[in-house]
């Protein structure tokens, strides 16, 4: 790229890189029950795109608990969740989604790309998930739900860590956010980054398209994926 600029590509975890087939959500619900003695209404709640602290607060709001009542217990809930997650996610129960290994391998070989995570998971949960998936080696930096409850604040966190790691800023379109949910696209926009949406997490393609991502792919196995990530070429589903 011109002037030696490198692109920072930040990947969401759940629904983008991997699927835990609901095991992570059940682990969090179990942790809430242990700490607060309340059955979390998971059947009425959509996890996709949310940060872990946001999920806890919103689930408990559905149960009639105000934020100030839940906040003193958040640390214990997340600690209990991480313990359950460790037990619930042996490697064989983590599904790496189509194209993920191939695209990460191809990007890792380039000297004009740096890779990171941008996820609503708290950092230890994200680390556990990518480790069990065999993907840890690709990610040296990241921004997590343990950094900010508001996902829209995470792009600057990831950029700052990338700048500290590699000695270069990644402003504007030099940062790309890849994710499967509406919140991923909104997060990219809030941070002034490019947004690449992938329809592998259950969000309907038309819903993602309505947000106007810079590229929209059915999966990361799509033949146009490297063009979408590196050159800004739109994938199918965008006009």
C-alpha atoms as a PDB file:
ATOM      1  CA  UNK A   1       0.000   0.000   0.000  1.00  0.00           C
ATOM      2  CA  UNK A   2       1.145   3.567  -0.476  1.00  0.00           C
ATOM      3  CA  UNK A   3       3.687   4.941   1.998  1.00  0.00           C
ATOM      4  CA  UNK A   4       4.046   1.469   3.525  1.00  0.00           C
ATOM      5  CA  UNK A   5       0.575   1.677   5.111  1.00  0.00           C
ATOM      6  CA  UNK A   6      -0.788  -1.571   6.478  1.00  0.00           C
ATOM      7  CA  UNK A   7      -4.382  -2.545   6.889  1.00  0.00           C
ATOM      8  CA  UNK A   8      -5.714  -3.626  10.278  1.00  0.00           C
ATOM      9  CA  UNK A   9      -8.454  -6.248   9.911  1.00  0.00           C
ATOM     10  CA  UNK A  10     -10.502  -6.868  13.054  1.00  0.00           C
ATOM     11  CA  UNK A  11     -12.661  -9.974  13.290  1.00  0.00           C
ATOM     12  CA  UNK A  12     -15.693 -10.599  15.450  1.00  0.00           C
ATOM     13  CA  UNK A  13     -15.672 -14.061  17.076  1.00  0.00           C
ATOM     14  CA  UNK A  14     -19.103 -15.664  17.500  1.00  0.00           C
ATOM     15  CA  UNK A  15     -20.975 -16.094  14.238  1.00  0.00           C
ATOM     16  CA  UNK A  16     -18.040 -14.764  12.226  1.00  0.00           C
ATOM     17  CA  UNK A  17     -15.101 -17.031  13.063  1.00  0.00           C
ATOM     18  CA  UNK A  18     -16.790 -19.765  15.088  1.00  0.00           C
ATOM     19  CA  UNK A  19     -20.023 -21.211  16.412  1.00  0.00           C
ATOM     20  CA  UNK A  20     -20.382 -22.700  19.901  1.00  0.00           C
ATOM     21  CA  UNK A  21     -23.866 -23.983  19.039  1.00  0.00           C
ATOM     22  CA  UNK A  22     -25.386 -22.071  21.938  1.00  0.00           C
ATOM     23  CA  UNK A  23     -23.017 -23.434  24.591  1.00  0.00           C
ATOM     24  CA  UNK A  24     -21.581 -20.027  25.457  1.00  0.00           C
ATOM     25  CA  UNK A  25     -25.015 -18.504  25.929  1.00  0.00           C
ATOM     26  CA  UNK A  26     -26.107 -21.369  28.146  1.00  0.00           C
ATOM     27  CA  UNK A  27     -22.945 -20.979  30.238  1.00  0.00           C
ATOM     28  CA  UNK A  28     -23.746 -17.307  30.811  1.00  0.00           C
ATOM     29  CA  UNK A  29     -27.371 -18.044  31.700  1.00  0.00           C
ATOM     30  CA  UNK A  30     -26.207 -20.672  34.198  1.00  0.00           C
ATOM     31  CA  UNK A  31     -23.792 -18.178  35.760  1.00  0.00           C
ATOM     32  CA  UNK A  32     -26.572 -15.620  36.189  1.00  0.00           C
ATOM     33  CA  UNK A  33     -28.732 -18.215  37.908  1.00  0.00           C
ATOM     34  CA  UNK A  34     -25.910 -19.212  40.246  1.00  0.00           C
ATOM     35  CA  UNK A  35     -25.058 -15.675  41.307  1.00  0.00           C
ATOM     36  CA  UNK A  36     -28.469 -13.978  41.258  1.00  0.00           C
ATOM     37  CA  UNK A  37     -30.846 -16.903  41.683  1.00  0.00           C
ATOM     38  CA  UNK A  38     -32.798 -15.831  38.580  1.00  0.00           C
ATOM     39  CA  UNK A  39     -33.536 -17.786  35.420  1.00  0.00           C
ATOM     40  CA  UNK A  40     -32.373 -15.597  32.535  1.00  0.00           C
ATOM     41  CA  UNK A  41     -35.003 -15.361  29.758  1.00  0.00           C
ATOM     42  CA  UNK A  42     -32.706 -16.466  26.933  1.00  0.00           C
ATOM     43  CA  UNK A  43     -35.642 -17.495  24.748  1.00  0.00           C
ATOM     44  CA  UNK A  44     -36.721 -13.831  24.552  1.00  0.00           C
ATOM     45  CA  UNK A  45     -33.291 -12.359  23.958  1.00  0.00           C
ATOM     46  CA  UNK A  46     -30.963 -12.058  20.962  1.00  0.00           C
ATOM     47  CA  UNK A  47     -27.294 -12.291  21.894  1.00  0.00           C
ATOM     48  CA  UNK A  48     -25.807 -11.398  18.515  1.00  0.00           C
ATOM     49  CA  UNK A  49     -23.587  -8.325  18.454  1.00  0.00           C
ATOM     50  CA  UNK A  50     -23.865  -7.582  22.175  1.00  0.00           C
ATOM     51  CA  UNK A  51     -21.021  -7.277  24.677  1.00  0.00           C
ATOM     52  CA  UNK A  52     -21.016  -9.702  27.587  1.00  0.00           C
ATOM     53  CA  UNK A  53     -21.713  -6.998  30.218  1.00  0.00           C
ATOM     54  CA  UNK A  54     -24.496  -5.572  28.023  1.00  0.00           C
ATOM     55  CA  UNK A  55     -26.065  -9.027  27.780  1.00  0.00           C
ATOM     56  CA  UNK A  56     -26.102  -9.432  31.555  1.00  0.00           C
ATOM     57  CA  UNK A  57     -27.654  -6.016  32.154  1.00  0.00           C
ATOM     58  CA  UNK A  58     -30.265  -6.417  29.414  1.00  0.00           C
ATOM     59  CA  UNK A  59     -31.271  -9.934  30.463  1.00  0.00           C
ATOM     60  CA  UNK A  60     -31.743  -8.800  34.032  1.00  0.00           C
ATOM     61  CA  UNK A  61     -33.709  -5.752  32.905  1.00  0.00           C
ATOM     62  CA  UNK A  62     -36.146  -8.213  31.314  1.00  0.00           C
ATOM     63  CA  UNK A  63     -36.432  -9.772  34.776  1.00  0.00           C
ATOM     64  CA  UNK A  64     -37.193  -6.396  36.348  1.00  0.00           C
ATOM     65  CA  UNK A  65     -33.754  -5.824  37.853  1.00  0.00           C
ATOM     66  CA  UNK A  66     -32.425  -2.256  37.400  1.00  0.00           C
ATOM     67  CA  UNK A  67     -28.830  -1.774  36.358  1.00  0.00           C
ATOM     68  CA  UNK A  68     -27.743  -0.458  39.741  1.00  0.00           C
ATOM     69  CA  UNK A  69     -28.944  -3.660  41.391  1.00  0.00           C
ATOM     70  CA  UNK A  70     -27.050  -5.875  38.935  1.00  0.00           C
ATOM     71  CA  UNK A  71     -23.779  -3.910  38.679  1.00  0.00           C
ATOM     72  CA  UNK A  72     -22.297  -4.994  42.056  1.00  0.00           C
ATOM     73  CA  UNK A  73     -22.644  -8.632  40.960  1.00  0.00           C
ATOM     74  CA  UNK A  74     -21.279  -8.313  37.411  1.00  0.00           C
ATOM     75  CA  UNK A  75     -17.732  -9.413  38.243  1.00  0.00           C
ATOM     76  CA  UNK A  76     -18.937 -12.566  40.001  1.00  0.00           C
ATOM     77  CA  UNK A  77     -21.297 -13.378  37.130  1.00  0.00           C
ATOM     78  CA  UNK A  78     -18.536 -13.103  34.556  1.00  0.00           C
ATOM     79  CA  UNK A  79     -16.145 -15.132  36.709  1.00  0.00           C
ATOM     80  CA  UNK A  80     -18.764 -17.884  37.027  1.00  0.00           C
ATOM     81  CA  UNK A  81     -19.440 -17.671  33.289  1.00  0.00           C
ATOM     82  CA  UNK A  82     -15.773 -18.128  32.384  1.00  0.00           C
ATOM     83  CA  UNK A  83     -15.525 -21.175  34.613  1.00  0.00           C
ATOM     84  CA  UNK A  84     -18.564 -22.727  32.935  1.00  0.00           C
ATOM     85  CA  UNK A  85     -17.348 -21.747  29.473  1.00  0.00           C
ATOM     86  CA  UNK A  86     -14.073 -23.546  30.042  1.00  0.00           C
ATOM     87  CA  UNK A  87     -15.954 -26.737  30.910  1.00  0.00           C
ATOM     88  CA  UNK A  88     -18.554 -26.355  28.134  1.00  0.00           C
ATOM     89  CA  UNK A  89     -16.160 -25.805  25.241  1.00  0.00           C
ATOM     90  CA  UNK A  90     -13.813 -28.670  24.523  1.00  0.00           C
ATOM     91  CA  UNK A  91     -12.271 -28.192  21.100  1.00  0.00           C
ATOM     92  CA  UNK A  92     -14.651 -30.651  19.456  1.00  0.00           C
ATOM     93  CA  UNK A  93     -17.607 -28.433  20.399  1.00  0.00           C
ATOM     94  CA  UNK A  94     -16.224 -25.317  18.684  1.00  0.00           C
ATOM     95  CA  UNK A  95     -17.113 -25.165  15.006  1.00  0.00           C
ATOM     96  CA  UNK A  96     -14.845 -23.043  12.823  1.00  0.00           C
ATOM     97  CA  UNK A  97     -17.043 -21.479  10.157  1.00  0.00           C
ATOM     98  CA  UNK A  98     -16.556 -21.940   6.387  1.00  0.00           C
ATOM     99  CA  UNK A  99     -13.510 -20.226   4.900  1.00  0.00           C
ATOM    100  CA  UNK A 100     -12.147 -18.966   8.205  1.00  0.00           C
ATOM    101  CA  UNK A 101      -8.952 -21.005   8.348  1.00  0.00           C
ATOM    102  CA  UNK A 102      -8.220 -20.344   4.692  1.00  0.00           C
ATOM    103  CA  UNK A 103      -8.731 -16.585   4.811  1.00  0.00           C
ATOM    104  CA  UNK A 104      -6.793 -16.145   8.060  1.00  0.00           C
ATOM    105  CA  UNK A 105      -3.954 -18.230   6.646  1.00  0.00           C
ATOM    106  CA  UNK A 106      -3.858 -16.153   3.470  1.00  0.00           C
ATOM    107  CA  UNK A 107      -3.941 -12.846   5.359  1.00  0.00           C
ATOM    108  CA  UNK A 108      -1.281 -13.937   7.836  1.00  0.00           C
ATOM    109  CA  UNK A 109       1.164 -14.490   4.972  1.00  0.00           C
ATOM    110  CA  UNK A 110       0.906 -10.868   3.822  1.00  0.00           C
ATOM    111  CA  UNK A 111       3.245  -8.157   5.053  1.00  0.00           C
ATOM    112  CA  UNK A 112       0.669  -5.415   4.390  1.00  0.00           C
ATOM    113  CA  UNK A 113      -1.955  -6.776   6.820  1.00  0.00           C
ATOM    114  CA  UNK A 114      -2.234  -6.965  10.600  1.00  0.00           C
ATOM    115  CA  UNK A 115      -4.958  -9.042  12.260  1.00  0.00           C
ATOM    116  CA  UNK A 116      -6.902  -8.513  15.466  1.00  0.00           C
ATOM    117  CA  UNK A 117     -10.146  -9.275  17.239  1.00  0.00           C
ATOM    118  CA  UNK A 118     -13.042  -6.940  17.900  1.00  0.00           C
ATOM    119  CA  UNK A 119     -15.653  -8.757  19.928  1.00  0.00           C
ATOM    120  CA  UNK A 120     -18.258  -8.362  22.613  1.00  0.00           C
ATOM    121  CA  UNK A 121     -16.696 -11.228  24.517  1.00  0.00           C
ATOM    122  CA  UNK A 122     -14.736 -10.342  27.610  1.00  0.00           C
ATOM    123  CA  UNK A 123     -11.054 -10.891  26.857  1.00  0.00           C
ATOM    124  CA  UNK A 124     -10.609 -14.223  28.681  1.00  0.00           C
ATOM    125  CA  UNK A 125     -13.710 -15.631  26.975  1.00  0.00           C
ATOM    126  CA  UNK A 126     -12.520 -14.558  23.548  1.00  0.00           C
ATOM    127  CA  UNK A 127      -9.078 -16.018  24.207  1.00  0.00           C
ATOM    128  CA  UNK A 128     -10.575 -19.326  25.298  1.00  0.00           C
ATOM    129  CA  UNK A 129     -12.827 -19.549  22.244  1.00  0.00           C
ATOM    130  CA  UNK A 130     -10.137 -18.829  19.657  1.00  0.00           C
ATOM    131  CA  UNK A 131      -7.700 -21.125  21.447  1.00  0.00           C
ATOM    132  CA  UNK A 132     -10.165 -24.008  21.409  1.00  0.00           C
ATOM    133  CA  UNK A 133     -10.788 -23.295  17.728  1.00  0.00           C
ATOM    134  CA  UNK A 134      -7.057 -23.430  16.982  1.00  0.00           C
ATOM    135  CA  UNK A 135      -6.980 -19.803  15.796  1.00  0.00           C
ATOM    136  CA  UNK A 136      -5.009 -18.060  18.550  1.00  0.00           C
ATOM    137  CA  UNK A 137      -1.823 -17.702  16.522  1.00  0.00           C
ATOM    138  CA  UNK A 138      -3.461 -15.262  14.139  1.00  0.00           C
ATOM    139  CA  UNK A 139      -4.388 -12.589  16.698  1.00  0.00           C
ATOM    140  CA  UNK A 140      -1.912 -10.472  18.655  1.00  0.00           C
ATOM    141  CA  UNK A 141      -4.234  -7.585  19.561  1.00  0.00           C
ATOM    142  CA  UNK A 142      -7.898  -7.010  20.146  1.00  0.00           C
ATOM    143  CA  UNK A 143     -10.678  -4.997  21.738  1.00  0.00           C
ATOM    144  CA  UNK A 144     -13.213  -6.715  23.964  1.00  0.00           C
ATOM    145  CA  UNK A 145     -16.413  -6.402  25.921  1.00  0.00           C
ATOM    146  CA  UNK A 146     -14.257  -6.151  29.034  1.00  0.00           C
ATOM    147  CA  UNK A 147     -12.813  -2.898  27.641  1.00  0.00           C
ATOM    148  CA  UNK A 148     -16.103  -1.141  26.911  1.00  0.00           C
ATOM    149  CA  UNK A 149     -19.705  -2.181  27.429  1.00  0.00           C
ATOM    150  CA  UNK A 150     -20.639  -0.079  24.381  1.00  0.00           C
ATOM    151  CA  UNK A 151     -19.361  -1.915  21.315  1.00  0.00           C
ATOM    152  CA  UNK A 152     -19.286   1.347  19.349  1.00  0.00           C
ATOM    153  CA  UNK A 153     -16.301   2.458  21.444  1.00  0.00           C
ATOM    154  CA  UNK A 154     -14.111  -0.530  20.612  1.00  0.00           C
ATOM    155  CA  UNK A 155     -12.497   0.476  17.294  1.00  0.00           C
ATOM    156  CA  UNK A 156     -10.312   3.155  18.942  1.00  0.00           C
ATOM    157  CA  UNK A 157      -9.270   0.632  21.608  1.00  0.00           C
ATOM    158  CA  UNK A 158      -8.161  -1.853  18.945  1.00  0.00           C
ATOM    159  CA  UNK A 159      -6.359   0.842  16.958  1.00  0.00           C
ATOM    160  CA  UNK A 160      -4.460   2.036  20.025  1.00  0.00           C
ATOM    161  CA  UNK A 161      -3.302  -1.495  20.840  1.00  0.00           C
ATOM    162  CA  UNK A 162      -2.314  -2.117  17.231  1.00  0.00           C
ATOM    163  CA  UNK A 163      -0.352   1.145  17.131  1.00  0.00           C
ATOM    164  CA  UNK A 164       1.461   0.187  20.329  1.00  0.00           C
ATOM    165  CA  UNK A 165       2.233  -3.276  18.968  1.00  0.00           C
ATOM    166  CA  UNK A 166       3.344  -2.326  15.454  1.00  0.00           C
ATOM    167  CA  UNK A 167       4.296   1.340  15.724  1.00  0.00           C
ATOM    168  CA  UNK A 168       1.780   2.528  13.163  1.00  0.00           C
ATOM    169  CA  UNK A 169      -1.662   4.084  13.234  1.00  0.00           C
ATOM    170  CA  UNK A 170      -4.527   2.543  11.292  1.00  0.00           C
ATOM    171  CA  UNK A 171      -6.850   5.470  10.797  1.00  0.00           C
ATOM    172  CA  UNK A 172      -9.961   5.584   8.634  1.00  0.00           C
ATOM    173  CA  UNK A 173     -10.278   2.905   5.979  1.00  0.00           C
ATOM    174  CA  UNK A 174      -6.973   1.322   7.023  1.00  0.00           C
ATOM    175  CA  UNK A 175      -9.091  -0.411   9.681  1.00  0.00           C
ATOM    176  CA  UNK A 176     -11.628  -3.035   8.576  1.00  0.00           C
ATOM    177  CA  UNK A 177     -14.217  -4.562  10.915  1.00  0.00           C
ATOM    178  CA  UNK A 178     -15.546  -7.990   9.917  1.00  0.00           C
ATOM    179  CA  UNK A 179     -18.688  -9.258  11.610  1.00  0.00           C
ATOM    180  CA  UNK A 180     -21.998 -11.040  11.250  1.00  0.00           C
ATOM    181  CA  UNK A 181     -24.412  -8.725  13.082  1.00  0.00           C
ATOM    182  CA  UNK A 182     -25.904  -5.273  12.693  1.00  0.00           C
ATOM    183  CA  UNK A 183     -23.843  -4.140  15.696  1.00  0.00           C
ATOM    184  CA  UNK A 184     -20.616  -4.986  13.857  1.00  0.00           C
ATOM    185  CA  UNK A 185     -21.499  -2.679  10.984  1.00  0.00           C
ATOM    186  CA  UNK A 186     -22.560   0.095  13.358  1.00  0.00           C
ATOM    187  CA  UNK A 187     -19.374  -0.337  15.361  1.00  0.00           C
ATOM    188  CA  UNK A 188     -17.257   0.037  12.223  1.00  0.00           C
ATOM    189  CA  UNK A 189     -19.147   3.186  11.222  1.00  0.00           C
ATOM    190  CA  UNK A 190     -18.791   4.671  14.723  1.00  0.00           C
ATOM    191  CA  UNK A 191     -15.033   4.151  14.520  1.00  0.00           C
ATOM    192  CA  UNK A 192     -14.685   5.494  10.982  1.00  0.00           C
ATOM    193  CA  UNK A 193     -13.605   2.061   9.742  1.00  0.00           C
ATOM    194  CA  UNK A 194     -14.663  -0.033   6.755  1.00  0.00           C
ATOM    195  CA  UNK A 195     -17.377  -2.607   7.447  1.00  0.00           C
ATOM    196  CA  UNK A 196     -17.398  -6.084   5.933  1.00  0.00           C
ATOM    197  CA  UNK A 197     -20.494  -8.061   6.880  1.00  0.00           C
ATOM    198  CA  UNK A 198     -20.739 -11.825   6.620  1.00  0.00           C
ATOM    199  CA  UNK A 199     -24.093 -13.629   6.796  1.00  0.00           C
ATOM    200  CA  UNK A 200     -22.984 -16.599   8.899  1.00  0.00           C
ATOM    201  CA  UNK A 201     -24.399 -15.640  12.279  1.00  0.00           C
ATOM    202  CA  UNK A 202     -28.125 -15.787  11.714  1.00  0.00           C
ATOM    203  CA  UNK A 203     -28.737 -12.145  10.809  1.00  0.00           C
ATOM    204  CA  UNK A 204     -30.721 -12.084   7.557  1.00  0.00           C
ATOM    205  CA  UNK A 205     -28.763 -10.877   4.557  1.00  0.00           C
ATOM    206  CA  UNK A 206     -31.336  -8.205   3.796  1.00  0.00           C
ATOM    207  CA  UNK A 207     -30.990  -6.786   7.310  1.00  0.00           C
ATOM    208  CA  UNK A 208     -27.231  -6.514   6.925  1.00  0.00           C
ATOM    209  CA  UNK A 209     -27.567  -5.046   3.432  1.00  0.00           C
ATOM    210  CA  UNK A 210     -29.925  -2.341   4.708  1.00  0.00           C
ATOM    211  CA  UNK A 211     -27.109  -0.968   6.868  1.00  0.00           C
ATOM    212  CA  UNK A 212     -24.928  -0.407   3.805  1.00  0.00           C
ATOM    213  CA  UNK A 213     -21.723  -2.282   4.703  1.00  0.00           C
ATOM    214  CA  UNK A 214     -18.780  -1.732   2.380  1.00  0.00           C
ATOM    215  CA  UNK A 215     -19.008  -5.407   1.463  1.00  0.00           C
ATOM    216  CA  UNK A 216     -21.461  -8.188   2.216  1.00  0.00           C
ATOM    217  CA  UNK A 217     -20.459 -11.841   1.875  1.00  0.00           C
ATOM    218  CA  UNK A 218     -22.514 -15.009   2.360  1.00  0.00           C
ATOM    219  CA  UNK A 219     -19.531 -16.677   4.113  1.00  0.00           C
ATOM    220  CA  UNK A 220     -15.808 -16.128   4.452  1.00  0.00           C
ATOM    221  CA  UNK A 221     -15.413 -18.932   1.927  1.00  0.00           C
ATOM    222  CA  UNK A 222     -16.785 -16.660  -0.801  1.00  0.00           C
ATOM    223  CA  UNK A 223     -14.300 -16.239  -3.695  1.00  0.00           C
ATOM    224  CA  UNK A 224     -14.427 -12.452  -3.359  1.00  0.00           C
ATOM    225  CA  UNK A 225     -13.436 -12.393   0.316  1.00  0.00           C
ATOM    226  CA  UNK A 226      -9.833 -11.207  -0.103  1.00  0.00           C
ATOM    227  CA  UNK A 227     -10.915  -8.485  -2.493  1.00  0.00           C
ATOM    228  CA  UNK A 228     -13.563  -7.329  -0.028  1.00  0.00           C
ATOM    229  CA  UNK A 229     -11.114  -7.254   2.861  1.00  0.00           C
ATOM    230  CA  UNK A 230      -8.099  -5.791   1.099  1.00  0.00           C
ATOM    231  CA  UNK A 231      -9.279  -3.732  -1.833  1.00  0.00           C
ATOM    232  CA  UNK A 232     -12.754  -2.644  -0.915  1.00  0.00           C
ATOM    233  CA  UNK A 233     -14.394  -4.641  -3.688  1.00  0.00           C
ATOM    234  CA  UNK A 234     -17.993  -5.365  -2.669  1.00  0.00           C
ATOM    235  CA  UNK A 235     -19.115  -8.932  -2.362  1.00  0.00           C
ATOM    236  CA  UNK A 236     -22.434 -10.263  -3.598  1.00  0.00           C
ATOM    237  CA  UNK A 237     -25.443  -8.670  -2.033  1.00  0.00           C
ATOM    238  CA  UNK A 238     -24.178  -5.070  -2.234  1.00  0.00           C
ATOM    239  CA  UNK A 239     -24.844  -2.583  -4.977  1.00  0.00           C
END
